[in-house]
Each structure stands twice: as structure tokens, then as C-alpha cells.
Amino acid sequence: MEQLIVISALGSDRPGIVESLSRAVLEHNGNILDSRMTVLGGEFAVLMLVSGSDATLDQLETDRTSWLANWTCCSPSSVPAPATCRPAPCPTR
């Protein structure tokens, strides 16, 4: 069964940064379902929704120190299956 993780990363903007992140996901047999990228104050920020088998995503998380060596911070996080996702309630004041 396909599982999902969200990769959030921040690093210095430079040529090839999207290619290197995409290559890492591909080399681990992951599939990029959606992404958002921007440059904030000279830093490149990305949120990426990645799908894959349990083994694929486990290996991607295990190897993150090698494929994210040039990033300031990164946080792969598992997410619930889409059918169980619910919007968070708005805080009341």
C-alpha cells in the first residue's frame, strides 16, 4: 500500500537544488505528488508530498542525512491517509 510523507526543507538558494531533491526522491523509488517552493530572503523553501511503499519511505528517511547534506533543516513527516485527513478547527478567540 502506498504511504505518504511530507518533506519540508530550507537551504541556501542555488542552481540545481530542485533537481537534487527530485533525484533523491526518484532514486528511492518515491513519487512526488505535490510541491510548493519559494525563495524567502535568499533561502529556498520547499514542501513536498511524496508517496511510496513503506520500504521506500523508510529508506528515504533513513538516508536523509546524505541527500539533504546541503540543507539548513529538513523534516520528513508521515501523514495520515487522505481519507482520514481532516482540516484542523480554527482557533476561537
N, C-alpha and C. Protein backbone atom coordinates (compact mmCIF):
# COMPACT_ATOMS: atom_id res chain seq x y z
N MET A 1 0.84 -1.18 0.00
CA MET A 1 0.00 0.00 0.00
C MET A 1 0.89 1.25 0.00
N GLU A 2 0.51 2.22 -0.78
CA GLU A 2 1.25 3.48 -0.84
C GLU A 2 1.05 4.27 0.44
N GLN A 3 2.14 4.81 0.95
CA GLN A 3 2.12 5.67 2.12
C GLN A 3 2.54 7.07 1.69
N LEU A 4 2.34 8.05 2.55
CA LEU A 4 2.68 9.44 2.24
C LEU A 4 3.60 10.01 3.30
N ILE A 5 4.53 10.87 2.86
CA ILE A 5 5.29 11.70 3.78
C ILE A 5 5.33 13.11 3.19
N VAL A 6 5.52 14.07 4.07
CA VAL A 6 5.73 15.45 3.66
C VAL A 6 7.17 15.80 3.99
N ILE A 7 7.90 16.29 3.01
CA ILE A 7 9.27 16.74 3.22
C ILE A 7 9.23 18.26 3.22
N SER A 8 9.70 18.84 4.31
CA SER A 8 9.86 20.29 4.36
C SER A 8 11.35 20.55 4.51
N ALA A 9 11.88 21.46 3.70
CA ALA A 9 13.31 21.72 3.73
C ALA A 9 13.59 23.19 3.47
N LEU A 10 14.69 23.66 4.02
CA LEU A 10 15.12 25.04 3.87
C LEU A 10 16.63 25.04 3.66
N GLY A 11 17.10 25.78 2.66
CA GLY A 11 18.53 25.85 2.40
C GLY A 11 18.86 27.04 1.52
N SER A 12 20.14 27.33 1.40
CA SER A 12 20.57 28.44 0.56
C SER A 12 20.15 28.20 -0.88
N ASP A 13 19.61 29.23 -1.51
CA ASP A 13 19.19 29.12 -2.90
C ASP A 13 20.41 28.97 -3.78
N ARG A 14 20.38 28.01 -4.69
CA ARG A 14 21.49 27.77 -5.62
C ARG A 14 20.96 27.00 -6.83
N PRO A 15 21.68 27.07 -7.95
CA PRO A 15 21.26 26.29 -9.11
C PRO A 15 21.29 24.79 -8.81
N GLY A 16 20.30 24.08 -9.29
CA GLY A 16 20.26 22.62 -9.17
C GLY A 16 19.61 22.08 -7.91
N ILE A 17 19.12 22.95 -7.05
CA ILE A 17 18.57 22.49 -5.77
C ILE A 17 17.29 21.65 -5.96
N VAL A 18 16.44 22.04 -6.88
CA VAL A 18 15.20 21.28 -7.14
C VAL A 18 15.56 19.94 -7.78
N GLU A 19 16.51 19.96 -8.70
CA GLU A 19 16.93 18.72 -9.38
C GLU A 19 17.49 17.72 -8.38
N SER A 20 18.32 18.18 -7.45
CA SER A 20 18.93 17.25 -6.50
C SER A 20 17.90 16.64 -5.55
N LEU A 21 16.94 17.42 -5.11
CA LEU A 21 15.90 16.90 -4.24
C LEU A 21 14.99 15.93 -5.00
N SER A 22 14.63 16.29 -6.23
CA SER A 22 13.79 15.41 -7.06
C SER A 22 14.52 14.11 -7.37
N ARG A 23 15.82 14.18 -7.66
CA ARG A 23 16.61 12.98 -7.95
C ARG A 23 16.63 12.05 -6.75
N ALA A 24 16.79 12.61 -5.56
CA ALA A 24 16.83 11.78 -4.35
C ALA A 24 15.52 11.01 -4.17
N VAL A 25 14.39 11.68 -4.40
CA VAL A 25 13.09 11.01 -4.29
C VAL A 25 12.98 9.91 -5.35
N LEU A 26 13.37 10.21 -6.57
CA LEU A 26 13.31 9.24 -7.66
C LEU A 26 14.22 8.04 -7.39
N GLU A 27 15.44 8.29 -6.92
CA GLU A 27 16.39 7.20 -6.65
C GLU A 27 15.90 6.28 -5.54
N HIS A 28 15.04 6.76 -4.69
CA HIS A 28 14.46 5.94 -3.63
C HIS A 28 13.10 5.38 -4.04
N ASN A 29 12.76 5.50 -5.32
CA ASN A 29 11.50 4.99 -5.88
C ASN A 29 10.27 5.67 -5.31
N GLY A 30 10.42 6.93 -4.91
CA GLY A 30 9.29 7.70 -4.43
C GLY A 30 8.61 8.44 -5.58
N ASN A 31 7.45 8.98 -5.31
CA ASN A 31 6.68 9.71 -6.31
C ASN A 31 6.28 11.06 -5.71
N ILE A 32 6.64 12.15 -6.36
CA ILE A 32 6.28 13.48 -5.90
C ILE A 32 4.85 13.76 -6.35
N LEU A 33 3.93 13.86 -5.39
CA LEU A 33 2.52 14.10 -5.71
C LEU A 33 2.20 15.59 -5.82
N ASP A 34 2.85 16.39 -4.99
CA ASP A 34 2.58 17.82 -4.97
C ASP A 34 3.77 18.51 -4.31
N SER A 35 3.97 19.77 -4.65
CA SER A 35 5.06 20.52 -4.01
C SER A 35 4.78 22.01 -4.09
N ARG A 36 5.37 22.71 -3.16
CA ARG A 36 5.34 24.17 -3.14
C ARG A 36 6.74 24.63 -2.83
N MET A 37 7.24 25.56 -3.64
CA MET A 37 8.60 26.05 -3.48
C MET A 37 8.61 27.57 -3.58
N THR A 38 9.50 28.18 -2.80
CA THR A 38 9.64 29.63 -2.84
C THR A 38 11.02 30.02 -2.34
N VAL A 39 11.42 31.24 -2.64
CA VAL A 39 12.66 31.80 -2.11
C VAL A 39 12.26 32.88 -1.11
N LEU A 40 12.76 32.73 0.12
CA LEU A 40 12.45 33.66 1.19
C LEU A 40 13.76 34.24 1.72
N GLY A 41 14.03 35.50 1.41
CA GLY A 41 15.24 36.15 1.91
C GLY A 41 16.51 35.45 1.51
N GLY A 42 16.57 34.94 0.31
CA GLY A 42 17.77 34.25 -0.16
C GLY A 42 17.83 32.77 0.21
N GLU A 43 16.85 32.31 0.97
CA GLU A 43 16.76 30.90 1.35
C GLU A 43 15.67 30.23 0.52
N PHE A 44 15.95 29.03 0.04
CA PHE A 44 14.99 28.26 -0.75
C PHE A 44 14.19 27.39 0.21
N ALA A 45 12.87 27.46 0.14
CA ALA A 45 12.00 26.67 0.99
C ALA A 45 11.13 25.76 0.12
N VAL A 46 10.95 24.53 0.56
CA VAL A 46 10.14 23.58 -0.19
C VAL A 46 9.30 22.74 0.76
N LEU A 47 8.07 22.48 0.34
CA LEU A 47 7.19 21.48 0.94
C LEU A 47 6.87 20.50 -0.17
N MET A 48 7.04 19.22 0.08
CA MET A 48 6.85 18.23 -0.96
C MET A 48 6.08 17.04 -0.39
N LEU A 49 4.98 16.68 -1.04
CA LEU A 49 4.20 15.50 -0.68
C LEU A 49 4.71 14.34 -1.53
N VAL A 50 5.22 13.30 -0.86
CA VAL A 50 5.85 12.17 -1.54
C VAL A 50 5.11 10.89 -1.17
N SER A 51 4.86 10.04 -2.17
CA SER A 51 4.24 8.74 -1.90
C SER A 51 5.24 7.63 -2.22
N GLY A 52 4.99 6.48 -1.63
CA GLY A 52 5.82 5.31 -1.88
C GLY A 52 5.44 4.19 -0.94
N SER A 53 6.06 3.05 -1.13
CA SER A 53 5.82 1.93 -0.23
C SER A 53 6.44 2.22 1.13
N ASP A 54 6.08 1.43 2.12
CA ASP A 54 6.67 1.59 3.44
C ASP A 54 8.20 1.53 3.35
N ALA A 55 8.71 0.55 2.61
CA ALA A 55 10.16 0.38 2.49
C ALA A 55 10.81 1.58 1.81
N THR A 56 10.16 2.10 0.78
CA THR A 56 10.68 3.26 0.06
C THR A 56 10.79 4.47 0.98
N LEU A 57 9.72 4.76 1.70
CA LEU A 57 9.72 5.94 2.55
C LEU A 57 10.63 5.77 3.76
N ASP A 58 10.71 4.54 4.30
CA ASP A 58 11.64 4.28 5.39
C ASP A 58 13.08 4.53 4.94
N GLN A 59 13.42 4.06 3.75
CA GLN A 59 14.78 4.25 3.23
C GLN A 59 15.05 5.72 2.94
N LEU A 60 14.08 6.42 2.42
CA LEU A 60 14.23 7.84 2.15
C LEU A 60 14.51 8.60 3.45
N GLU A 61 13.78 8.27 4.50
CA GLU A 61 14.02 8.92 5.80
C GLU A 61 15.36 8.51 6.40
N THR A 62 15.72 7.24 6.29
CA THR A 62 16.98 6.76 6.83
C THR A 62 18.17 7.44 6.16
N ASP A 63 18.10 7.62 4.85
CA ASP A 63 19.21 8.19 4.08
C ASP A 63 19.19 9.71 4.00
N ARG A 64 18.30 10.37 4.71
CA ARG A 64 18.14 11.81 4.55
C ARG A 64 19.40 12.60 4.85
N THR A 65 20.27 12.13 5.73
CA THR A 65 21.48 12.90 6.03
C THR A 65 22.39 13.00 4.81
N SER A 66 22.36 12.01 3.94
CA SER A 66 23.20 12.07 2.74
C SER A 66 22.58 12.93 1.65
N TRP A 67 21.28 12.79 1.39
CA TRP A 67 20.69 13.54 0.28
C TRP A 67 20.25 14.94 0.68
N LEU A 68 20.29 15.25 1.98
CA LEU A 68 19.95 16.59 2.44
C LEU A 68 21.13 17.29 3.10
N ALA A 69 22.35 16.89 2.74
CA ALA A 69 23.55 17.43 3.38
C ALA A 69 23.68 18.95 3.23
N ASN A 70 23.20 19.52 2.14
CA ASN A 70 23.36 20.96 1.90
C ASN A 70 22.17 21.80 2.37
N TRP A 71 21.24 21.19 3.08
CA TRP A 71 20.06 21.90 3.55
C TRP A 71 20.27 22.36 4.98
N THR A 72 19.72 23.52 5.31
CA THR A 72 19.79 24.04 6.67
C THR A 72 18.97 23.17 7.61
N CYS A 73 17.76 22.84 7.20
CA CYS A 73 16.92 21.96 8.01
C CYS A 73 15.98 21.19 7.10
N CYS A 74 15.60 20.05 7.58
CA CYS A 74 14.67 19.22 6.81
C CYS A 74 13.88 18.38 7.78
N SER A 75 12.63 18.15 7.44
CA SER A 75 11.78 17.36 8.31
C SER A 75 10.83 16.50 7.50
N PRO A 76 11.22 15.24 7.18
CA PRO A 76 10.24 14.35 6.58
C PRO A 76 9.25 13.91 7.65
N SER A 77 7.98 14.04 7.39
CA SER A 77 6.95 13.67 8.36
C SER A 77 5.92 12.80 7.70
N SER A 78 5.53 11.72 8.37
CA SER A 78 4.48 10.89 7.81
C SER A 78 3.15 11.62 7.96
N VAL A 79 2.26 11.33 7.05
CA VAL A 79 0.94 11.95 7.08
C VAL A 79 -0.11 10.86 7.01
N PRO A 80 -1.29 11.09 7.58
CA PRO A 80 -2.34 10.08 7.51
C PRO A 80 -2.85 9.91 6.08
N ALA A 81 -3.45 8.78 5.84
CA ALA A 81 -4.04 8.53 4.52
C ALA A 81 -5.04 9.63 4.21
N PRO A 82 -5.16 10.01 2.92
CA PRO A 82 -6.06 11.11 2.55
C PRO A 82 -7.48 10.95 3.06
N ALA A 83 -7.98 9.75 3.14
CA ALA A 83 -9.37 9.55 3.58
C ALA A 83 -9.55 9.93 5.05
N THR A 84 -8.45 9.93 5.82
CA THR A 84 -8.56 10.24 7.25
C THR A 84 -8.12 11.67 7.57
N CYS A 85 -7.68 12.41 6.57
CA CYS A 85 -7.27 13.79 6.82
C CYS A 85 -8.50 14.65 7.09
N ARG A 86 -8.42 15.47 8.11
CA ARG A 86 -9.49 16.39 8.44
C ARG A 86 -8.88 17.77 8.66
N PRO A 87 -9.53 18.81 8.20
CA PRO A 87 -8.99 20.14 8.48
C PRO A 87 -9.02 20.42 9.97
N ALA A 88 -7.98 21.09 10.44
CA ALA A 88 -7.93 21.48 11.85
C ALA A 88 -8.97 22.57 12.10
N PRO A 89 -9.63 22.53 13.25
CA PRO A 89 -10.61 23.58 13.53
C PRO A 89 -9.90 24.92 13.74
N CYS A 90 -10.55 25.99 13.35
CA CYS A 90 -9.99 27.31 13.56
C CYS A 90 -10.02 27.64 15.04
N PRO A 91 -8.92 28.22 15.56
CA PRO A 91 -8.94 28.57 16.97
C PRO A 91 -9.96 29.68 17.23
N THR A 92 -10.57 29.61 18.38
CA THR A 92 -11.54 30.65 18.75
C THR A 92 -10.86 31.65 19.65
N ARG A 93 -11.29 32.88 19.59
CA ARG A 93 -10.69 33.93 20.41
C ARG A 93 -11.58 34.30 21.53
